[in-house]
Amino acid sequence: MAKKTTKKPIIEVDAERAKMMAMYEETLKTFTEGAIVKGQIVEIRPQEVLINIGYKSEGLLPASEFKNLGELHVGDEVEVLLERLEDEHGMVILSKSRAEQQRNWDNVLATCEEGAIVSGVVKGKVKGGLLVDVGVDAFLPGSQIDVVPTRNLDDFMGQTLECKVLKINKERRNIVLSRRDLIEAQRQEQKKKLLLEIQPGQTRKGVVKNITDFGAFVDLNGMDGLLHITDMSWGRINHPSEVVQVGQELEV
């Protein structure tokens, strides 16, 4: 004997369908493009990683966004930036690196303000200056690197520099630094100390800072002194560059 099936009234079916649609639409509201969301690794492939963020479709992350695929496991939680809800294939577009950048930017803004002193590693050269990693990429203009003109930016590559935050543009996510301001402040302190100690007749060490036709300016660690061309040698010279070079240490 055939088993009887009980059909739900059409009104009840429509109500359930409406409820499911409402739940689905509510779920969609929780996903906003540009937001950082948590996802779970559901599959690890040679060139990509499949991530489930609880949306109707999953997203793929390039393997290059992970330091080591061998350290990943299915079920691991990953923080990603939701770039687009759907591409032409209906897949979610995600980015792990952009999520990290956003988090770093938020952290820097929370702990950093204009006038603050920060430390960062020079990671590259850009037009007009250097790119310094202070948690996010910050710009150090060439004119703000030192109190003297910088001839070779390559000398600073990989160095850790202490700089002052000149400007923060939150809209453009741009930070401008100055190392020159810190050096000038240090030199002011050195100058005060030097003026208390220095006396005519003393012998002091200094470094040649600049050369002109009439002599050389020597940095005495806080103040510059003029070494006139006539005091450079017992013999006659045509130009100071015959005797001294920029960067040379002298006893004067």
C-alpha atoms as a PDB file:
ATOM      1  CA  MET A   1       0.000   0.000   0.000  1.00  0.00           C
ATOM      2  CA  ALA A   2       1.440   3.359  -1.026  1.00  0.00           C
ATOM      3  CA  LYS A   3       2.578   5.649   1.786  1.00  0.00           C
ATOM      4  CA  LYS A   4       0.611   8.827   2.057  1.00  0.00           C
ATOM      5  CA  THR A   5       2.552  12.106   1.871  1.00  0.00           C
ATOM      6  CA  THR A   6       1.261  15.127   3.663  1.00  0.00           C
ATOM      7  CA  LYS A   7       1.616  18.316   1.700  1.00  0.00           C
ATOM      8  CA  LYS A   8       2.075  21.576   3.544  1.00  0.00           C
ATOM      9  CA  PRO A   9      -0.482  24.242   2.783  1.00  0.00           C
ATOM     10  CA  ILE A  10       0.710  26.743   0.158  1.00  0.00           C
ATOM     11  CA  ILE A  11       0.441  29.580   2.675  1.00  0.00           C
ATOM     12  CA  GLU A  12       2.797  27.773   5.094  1.00  0.00           C
ATOM     13  CA  VAL A  13       5.304  27.037   2.319  1.00  0.00           C
ATOM     14  CA  ASP A  14       5.299  30.672   1.225  1.00  0.00           C
ATOM     15  CA  ALA A  15       5.848  31.790   4.805  1.00  0.00           C
ATOM     16  CA  GLU A  16       8.863  29.489   5.202  1.00  0.00           C
ATOM     17  CA  ARG A  17      10.264  30.661   1.903  1.00  0.00           C
ATOM     18  CA  ALA A  18       9.866  34.286   2.931  1.00  0.00           C
ATOM     19  CA  LYS A  19      11.573  33.533   6.239  1.00  0.00           C
ATOM     20  CA  MET A  20      14.501  31.877   4.479  1.00  0.00           C
ATOM     21  CA  MET A  21      14.802  34.801   2.059  1.00  0.00           C
ATOM     22  CA  ALA A  22      14.767  37.230   4.977  1.00  0.00           C
ATOM     23  CA  MET A  23      17.534  35.254   6.706  1.00  0.00           C
ATOM     24  CA  TYR A  24      19.509  35.161   3.460  1.00  0.00           C
ATOM     25  CA  GLU A  25      19.156  38.925   2.942  1.00  0.00           C
ATOM     26  CA  GLU A  26      20.137  39.556   6.573  1.00  0.00           C
ATOM     27  CA  THR A  27      23.248  37.443   6.027  1.00  0.00           C
ATOM     28  CA  LEU A  28      24.156  39.516   2.972  1.00  0.00           C
ATOM     29  CA  LYS A  29      23.949  42.700   5.030  1.00  0.00           C
ATOM     30  CA  THR A  30      26.772  41.491   7.289  1.00  0.00           C
ATOM     31  CA  PHE A  31      29.188  41.424   4.349  1.00  0.00           C
ATOM     32  CA  THR A  32      30.430  44.807   3.215  1.00  0.00           C
ATOM     33  CA  GLU A  33      32.971  45.310   0.467  1.00  0.00           C
ATOM     34  CA  GLY A  34      36.130  46.842   1.931  1.00  0.00           C
ATOM     35  CA  ALA A  35      35.581  45.288   5.361  1.00  0.00           C
ATOM     36  CA  ILE A  36      37.963  42.937   7.153  1.00  0.00           C
ATOM     37  CA  VAL A  37      36.353  39.562   7.886  1.00  0.00           C
ATOM     38  CA  LYS A  38      37.464  36.246   9.313  1.00  0.00           C
ATOM     39  CA  GLY A  39      37.504  33.171   7.119  1.00  0.00           C
ATOM     40  CA  GLN A  40      38.392  29.519   7.398  1.00  0.00           C
ATOM     41  CA  ILE A  41      40.706  27.536   5.142  1.00  0.00           C
ATOM     42  CA  VAL A  42      38.718  24.768   3.452  1.00  0.00           C
ATOM     43  CA  GLU A  43      41.258  23.627   0.854  1.00  0.00           C
ATOM     44  CA  ILE A  44      44.967  24.158   0.191  1.00  0.00           C
ATOM     45  CA  ARG A  45      46.078  23.950  -3.438  1.00  0.00           C
ATOM     46  CA  PRO A  46      49.567  24.370  -4.957  1.00  0.00           C
ATOM     47  CA  GLN A  47      48.865  27.863  -6.268  1.00  0.00           C
ATOM     48  CA  GLU A  48      45.902  29.015  -4.198  1.00  0.00           C
ATOM     49  CA  VAL A  49      43.993  28.610  -0.942  1.00  0.00           C
ATOM     50  CA  LEU A  50      40.198  28.278  -0.749  1.00  0.00           C
ATOM     51  CA  ILE A  51      38.618  30.368   2.016  1.00  0.00           C
ATOM     52  CA  ASN A  52      35.098  30.198   3.468  1.00  0.00           C
ATOM     53  CA  ILE A  53      33.890  33.453   5.060  1.00  0.00           C
ATOM     54  CA  GLY A  54      30.330  32.213   5.615  1.00  0.00           C
ATOM     55  CA  TYR A  55      29.019  33.767   2.431  1.00  0.00           C
ATOM     56  CA  LYS A  56      27.062  31.871  -0.230  1.00  0.00           C
ATOM     57  CA  SER A  57      30.267  31.350  -2.227  1.00  0.00           C
ATOM     58  CA  GLU A  58      33.919  30.873  -1.290  1.00  0.00           C
ATOM     59  CA  GLY A  59      36.981  32.905  -2.197  1.00  0.00           C
ATOM     60  CA  LEU A  60      40.466  32.096  -3.461  1.00  0.00           C
ATOM     61  CA  LEU A  61      43.675  33.574  -2.124  1.00  0.00           C
ATOM     62  CA  PRO A  62      46.911  33.336  -4.153  1.00  0.00           C
ATOM     63  CA  ALA A  63      49.511  31.118  -2.495  1.00  0.00           C
ATOM     64  CA  SER A  64      51.931  34.058  -2.736  1.00  0.00           C
ATOM     65  CA  GLU A  65      49.990  35.839   0.032  1.00  0.00           C
ATOM     66  CA  PHE A  66      51.206  33.217   2.531  1.00  0.00           C
ATOM     67  CA  LYS A  67      54.792  32.946   3.742  1.00  0.00           C
ATOM     68  CA  ASN A  68      54.735  29.148   3.802  1.00  0.00           C
ATOM     69  CA  LEU A  69      51.935  26.932   2.489  1.00  0.00           C
ATOM     70  CA  GLY A  70      53.413  24.008   4.400  1.00  0.00           C
ATOM     71  CA  GLU A  71      52.477  25.663   7.689  1.00  0.00           C
ATOM     72  CA  LEU A  72      48.793  25.958   6.746  1.00  0.00           C
ATOM     73  CA  HIS A  73      46.072  23.512   7.757  1.00  0.00           C
ATOM     74  CA  VAL A  74      42.447  23.060   6.729  1.00  0.00           C
ATOM     75  CA  GLY A  75      40.358  24.752   9.390  1.00  0.00           C
ATOM     76  CA  ASP A  76      42.899  27.493  10.151  1.00  0.00           C
ATOM     77  CA  GLU A  77      41.371  30.936  10.630  1.00  0.00           C
ATOM     78  CA  VAL A  78      42.525  33.735   8.334  1.00  0.00           C
ATOM     79  CA  GLU A  79      41.756  37.451   8.429  1.00  0.00           C
ATOM     80  CA  VAL A  80      41.032  38.820   4.953  1.00  0.00           C
ATOM     81  CA  LEU A  81      39.786  41.965   3.276  1.00  0.00           C
ATOM     82  CA  LEU A  82      36.547  41.545   1.326  1.00  0.00           C
ATOM     83  CA  GLU A  83      37.304  43.279  -1.967  1.00  0.00           C
ATOM     84  CA  ARG A  84      34.240  42.162  -3.945  1.00  0.00           C
ATOM     85  CA  LEU A  85      31.258  39.974  -3.084  1.00  0.00           C
ATOM     86  CA  GLU A  86      31.204  38.354  -6.508  1.00  0.00           C
ATOM     87  CA  ASP A  87      33.298  38.222  -9.648  1.00  0.00           C
ATOM     88  CA  GLU A  88      32.136  37.052 -13.066  1.00  0.00           C
ATOM     89  CA  HIS A  89      32.283  33.457 -11.815  1.00  0.00           C
ATOM     90  CA  GLY A  90      30.315  34.187  -8.655  1.00  0.00           C
ATOM     91  CA  MET A  91      33.402  33.866  -6.441  1.00  0.00           C
ATOM     92  CA  VAL A  92      34.209  36.145  -3.514  1.00  0.00           C
ATOM     93  CA  ILE A  93      37.309  38.322  -4.091  1.00  0.00           C
ATOM     94  CA  LEU A  94      39.526  38.381  -0.984  1.00  0.00           C
ATOM     95  CA  SER A  95      42.950  39.718  -0.034  1.00  0.00           C
ATOM     96  CA  LYS A  96      45.052  38.732   2.960  1.00  0.00           C
ATOM     97  CA  SER A  97      47.830  41.248   2.277  1.00  0.00           C
ATOM     98  CA  ARG A  98      45.398  44.170   2.082  1.00  0.00           C
ATOM     99  CA  ALA A  99      43.827  43.086   5.369  1.00  0.00           C
ATOM    100  CA  GLU A 100      47.283  43.143   6.974  1.00  0.00           C
ATOM    101  CA  GLN A 101      47.976  46.588   5.504  1.00  0.00           C
ATOM    102  CA  GLN A 102      44.663  47.883   6.847  1.00  0.00           C
ATOM    103  CA  ARG A 103      45.360  46.460  10.320  1.00  0.00           C
ATOM    104  CA  ASN A 104      48.871  47.918  10.298  1.00  0.00           C
ATOM    105  CA  TRP A 105      47.543  51.315   9.239  1.00  0.00           C
ATOM    106  CA  ASP A 106      44.929  51.255  12.030  1.00  0.00           C
ATOM    107  CA  ASN A 107      47.618  50.305  14.562  1.00  0.00           C
ATOM    108  CA  VAL A 108      49.961  53.075  13.389  1.00  0.00           C
ATOM    109  CA  LEU A 109      47.183  55.674  13.593  1.00  0.00           C
ATOM    110  CA  ALA A 110      46.311  54.497  17.099  1.00  0.00           C
ATOM    111  CA  THR A 111      49.883  54.920  18.356  1.00  0.00           C
ATOM    112  CA  CYS A 112      51.315  57.622  16.119  1.00  0.00           C
ATOM    113  CA  GLU A 113      50.605  61.316  15.662  1.00  0.00           C
ATOM    114  CA  GLU A 114      52.232  64.278  13.945  1.00  0.00           C
ATOM    115  CA  GLY A 115      55.380  65.251  15.838  1.00  0.00           C
ATOM    116  CA  ALA A 116      55.938  61.750  17.207  1.00  0.00           C
ATOM    117  CA  ILE A 117      59.312  59.994  16.915  1.00  0.00           C
ATOM    118  CA  VAL A 118      59.223  56.667  15.054  1.00  0.00           C
ATOM    119  CA  SER A 119      61.785  54.097  14.004  1.00  0.00           C
ATOM    120  CA  GLY A 120      61.702  52.279  10.679  1.00  0.00           C
ATOM    121  CA  VAL A 121      63.747  50.334   8.158  1.00  0.00           C
ATOM    122  CA  VAL A 122      64.527  51.820   4.746  1.00  0.00           C
ATOM    123  CA  LYS A 123      62.992  49.387   2.250  1.00  0.00           C
ATOM    124  CA  GLY A 124      63.337  51.186  -1.051  1.00  0.00           C
ATOM    125  CA  LYS A 125      63.954  54.277  -3.132  1.00  0.00           C
ATOM    126  CA  VAL A 126      61.104  56.272  -4.661  1.00  0.00           C
ATOM    127  CA  LYS A 127      60.980  59.469  -6.653  1.00  0.00           C
ATOM    128  CA  GLY A 128      62.232  62.252  -4.420  1.00  0.00           C
ATOM    129  CA  GLY A 129      63.280  60.207  -1.423  1.00  0.00           C
ATOM    130  CA  LEU A 130      63.103  56.947   0.520  1.00  0.00           C
ATOM    131  CA  LEU A 131      60.393  54.494   1.516  1.00  0.00           C
ATOM    132  CA  VAL A 132      60.591  53.658   5.220  1.00  0.00           C
ATOM    133  CA  ASP A 133      58.691  50.800   6.877  1.00  0.00           C
ATOM    134  CA  VAL A 134      57.308  52.087  10.202  1.00  0.00           C
ATOM    135  CA  GLY A 135      54.560  49.447  10.326  1.00  0.00           C
ATOM    136  CA  VAL A 136      53.237  50.910   7.087  1.00  0.00           C
ATOM    137  CA  ASP A 137      55.161  52.497   4.236  1.00  0.00           C
ATOM    138  CA  ALA A 138      56.096  56.116   4.988  1.00  0.00           C
ATOM    139  CA  PHE A 139      57.819  58.669   2.757  1.00  0.00           C
ATOM    140  CA  LEU A 140      61.104  60.302   3.771  1.00  0.00           C
ATOM    141  CA  PRO A 141      61.823  63.141   1.289  1.00  0.00           C
ATOM    142  CA  GLY A 142      65.414  63.524   0.130  1.00  0.00           C
ATOM    143  CA  SER A 143      65.541  67.046   1.596  1.00  0.00           C
ATOM    144  CA  GLN A 144      64.582  65.660   5.026  1.00  0.00           C
ATOM    145  CA  ILE A 145      67.190  62.872   5.232  1.00  0.00           C
ATOM    146  CA  ASP A 146      70.071  64.949   6.614  1.00  0.00           C
ATOM    147  CA  VAL A 147      71.217  68.501   7.309  1.00  0.00           C
ATOM    148  CA  VAL A 148      73.640  68.186   4.401  1.00  0.00           C
ATOM    149  CA  PRO A 149      72.690  67.160   0.853  1.00  0.00           C
ATOM    150  CA  THR A 150      72.480  63.395   0.455  1.00  0.00           C
ATOM    151  CA  ARG A 151      74.526  62.247  -2.518  1.00  0.00           C
ATOM    152  CA  ASN A 152      73.757  58.524  -2.594  1.00  0.00           C
ATOM    153  CA  LEU A 153      70.411  57.172  -1.364  1.00  0.00           C
ATOM    154  CA  ASP A 154      71.685  53.593  -1.740  1.00  0.00           C
ATOM    155  CA  ASP A 155      73.809  54.137   1.386  1.00  0.00           C
ATOM    156  CA  PHE A 156      70.614  54.133   3.473  1.00  0.00           C
ATOM    157  CA  MET A 157      69.102  50.902   2.105  1.00  0.00           C
ATOM    158  CA  GLY A 158      68.315  48.447   4.904  1.00  0.00           C
ATOM    159  CA  GLN A 159      69.271  50.929   7.626  1.00  0.00           C
ATOM    160  CA  THR A 160      67.067  51.546  10.657  1.00  0.00           C
ATOM    161  CA  LEU A 161      66.387  55.283  10.926  1.00  0.00           C
ATOM    162  CA  GLU A 162      64.795  57.324  13.676  1.00  0.00           C
ATOM    163  CA  CYS A 163      62.520  59.995  12.227  1.00  0.00           C
ATOM    164  CA  LYS A 164      59.944  62.584  13.206  1.00  0.00           C
ATOM    165  CA  VAL A 165      56.406  62.339  11.790  1.00  0.00           C
ATOM    166  CA  LEU A 166      55.823  65.542   9.822  1.00  0.00           C
ATOM    167  CA  LYS A 167      52.393  64.841   8.365  1.00  0.00           C
ATOM    168  CA  ILE A 168      49.695  62.158   8.353  1.00  0.00           C
ATOM    169  CA  ASN A 169      47.082  62.156   5.599  1.00  0.00           C
ATOM    170  CA  LYS A 170      44.393  59.705   6.719  1.00  0.00           C
ATOM    171  CA  GLU A 171      42.387  59.910   3.492  1.00  0.00           C
ATOM    172  CA  ARG A 172      45.355  59.123   1.258  1.00  0.00           C
ATOM    173  CA  ARG A 173      46.997  56.887   3.869  1.00  0.00           C
ATOM    174  CA  ASN A 174      50.189  58.824   3.526  1.00  0.00           C
ATOM    175  CA  ILE A 175      52.826  59.534   6.187  1.00  0.00           C
ATOM    176  CA  VAL A 176      55.687  62.010   5.637  1.00  0.00           C
ATOM    177  CA  LEU A 177      58.808  61.792   7.809  1.00  0.00           C
ATOM    178  CA  SER A 178      61.796  63.965   8.634  1.00  0.00           C
ATOM    179  CA  ARG A 179      65.165  62.775   9.897  1.00  0.00           C
ATOM    180  CA  ARG A 180      66.654  66.229   9.384  1.00  0.00           C
ATOM    181  CA  ASP A 181      64.502  67.747  12.156  1.00  0.00           C
ATOM    182  CA  LEU A 182      65.900  65.262  14.688  1.00  0.00           C
ATOM    183  CA  ILE A 183      69.489  65.853  13.576  1.00  0.00           C
ATOM    184  CA  GLU A 184      69.027  69.640  13.826  1.00  0.00           C
ATOM    185  CA  ALA A 185      67.577  69.282  17.339  1.00  0.00           C
ATOM    186  CA  GLN A 186      70.530  67.108  18.353  1.00  0.00           C
ATOM    187  CA  ARG A 187      72.976  69.639  16.901  1.00  0.00           C
ATOM    188  CA  GLN A 188      71.330  72.418  18.892  1.00  0.00           C
ATOM    189  CA  GLU A 189      71.989  70.472  22.075  1.00  0.00           C
ATOM    190  CA  GLN A 190      75.566  69.752  20.969  1.00  0.00           C
ATOM    191  CA  LYS A 191      76.054  73.432  20.155  1.00  0.00           C
ATOM    192  CA  LYS A 192      74.980  74.487  23.668  1.00  0.00           C
ATOM    193  CA  LYS A 193      77.426  72.020  25.179  1.00  0.00           C
ATOM    194  CA  LEU A 194      80.236  73.079  22.817  1.00  0.00           C
ATOM    195  CA  LEU A 195      79.792  76.785  23.626  1.00  0.00           C
ATOM    196  CA  LEU A 196      80.292  76.000  27.328  1.00  0.00           C
ATOM    197  CA  GLU A 197      83.533  74.137  26.662  1.00  0.00           C
ATOM    198  CA  ILE A 198      85.269  75.743  23.678  1.00  0.00           C
ATOM    199  CA  GLN A 199      88.087  78.236  24.223  1.00  0.00           C
ATOM    200  CA  PRO A 200      90.592  79.981  21.916  1.00  0.00           C
ATOM    201  CA  GLY A 201      93.843  78.051  21.700  1.00  0.00           C
ATOM    202  CA  GLN A 202      92.251  74.630  22.126  1.00  0.00           C
ATOM    203  CA  THR A 203      93.066  71.782  19.752  1.00  0.00           C
ATOM    204  CA  ARG A 204      89.930  70.024  18.533  1.00  0.00           C
ATOM    205  CA  LYS A 205      88.943  67.363  16.048  1.00  0.00           C
ATOM    206  CA  GLY A 206      86.437  68.119  13.332  1.00  0.00           C
ATOM    207  CA  VAL A 207      85.074  66.793  10.053  1.00  0.00           C
ATOM    208  CA  VAL A 208      85.172  68.732   6.774  1.00  0.00           C
ATOM    209  CA  LYS A 209      81.568  69.546   5.934  1.00  0.00           C
ATOM    210  CA  ASN A 210      81.872  71.790   2.904  1.00  0.00           C
ATOM    211  CA  ILE A 211      84.603  73.279   0.685  1.00  0.00           C
ATOM    212  CA  THR A 212      84.567  76.745  -0.914  1.00  0.00           C
ATOM    213  CA  ASP A 213      87.113  78.745  -2.913  1.00  0.00           C
ATOM    214  CA  PHE A 214      88.308  80.546   0.237  1.00  0.00           C
ATOM    215  CA  GLY A 215      88.463  77.626   2.653  1.00  0.00           C
ATOM    216  CA  ALA A 216      86.579  74.758   4.267  1.00  0.00           C
ATOM    217  CA  PHE A 217      83.830  74.554   6.863  1.00  0.00           C
ATOM    218  CA  VAL A 218      84.659  72.076   9.599  1.00  0.00           C
ATOM    219  CA  ASP A 219      82.012  70.502  11.835  1.00  0.00           C
ATOM    220  CA  LEU A 220      83.219  70.635  15.442  1.00  0.00           C
ATOM    221  CA  ASN A 221      80.301  68.452  16.631  1.00  0.00           C
ATOM    222  CA  GLY A 222      77.735  71.159  17.190  1.00  0.00           C
ATOM    223  CA  MET A 223      79.084  74.161  15.300  1.00  0.00           C
ATOM    224  CA  ASP A 224      80.837  74.804  12.031  1.00  0.00           C
ATOM    225  CA  GLY A 225      84.187  76.570  12.012  1.00  0.00           C
ATOM    226  CA  LEU A 226      85.886  78.176   9.025  1.00  0.00           C
ATOM    227  CA  LEU A 227      89.319  76.885   8.127  1.00  0.00           C
ATOM    228  CA  HIS A 228      90.667  79.608   5.831  1.00  0.00           C
ATOM    229  CA  ILE A 229      92.748  78.633   2.808  1.00  0.00           C
ATOM    230  CA  THR A 230      95.723  80.564   4.193  1.00  0.00           C
ATOM    231  CA  ASP A 231      95.673  78.395   7.359  1.00  0.00           C
ATOM    232  CA  MET A 232      95.613  75.060   5.550  1.00  0.00           C
ATOM    233  CA  SER A 233      99.255  74.749   4.624  1.00  0.00           C
ATOM    234  CA  TRP A 234     102.636  76.463   5.059  1.00  0.00           C
ATOM    235  CA  GLY A 235     103.007  76.399   1.291  1.00  0.00           C
ATOM    236  CA  ARG A 236     100.883  78.169  -1.311  1.00  0.00           C
ATOM    237  CA  ILE A 237      97.783  76.305  -2.604  1.00  0.00           C
ATOM    238  CA  ASN A 238      95.417  77.258  -5.415  1.00  0.00           C
ATOM    239  CA  HIS A 239      92.279  75.642  -4.003  1.00  0.00           C
ATOM    240  CA  PRO A 240      91.294  74.059  -0.641  1.00  0.00           C
ATOM    241  CA  SER A 241      90.411  70.783  -2.393  1.00  0.00           C
ATOM    242  CA  GLU A 242      94.148  70.230  -2.919  1.00  0.00           C
ATOM    243  CA  VAL A 243      94.538  69.754   0.838  1.00  0.00           C
ATOM    244  CA  VAL A 244      91.199  68.569   2.282  1.00  0.00           C
ATOM    245  CA  GLN A 245      88.200  66.534   1.178  1.00  0.00           C
ATOM    246  CA  VAL A 246      84.578  66.509   2.341  1.00  0.00           C
ATOM    247  CA  GLY A 247      84.195  63.938   5.149  1.00  0.00           C
ATOM    248  CA  GLN A 248      87.872  64.075   6.129  1.00  0.00           C
ATOM    249  CA  GLU A 249      88.662  64.264   9.842  1.00  0.00           C
ATOM    250  CA  LEU A 250      91.052  67.040  10.808  1.00  0.00           C
ATOM    251  CA  GLU A 251      92.761  68.294  13.948  1.00  0.00           C
ATOM    252  CA  VAL A 252      92.450  72.079  14.114  1.00  0.00           C
END
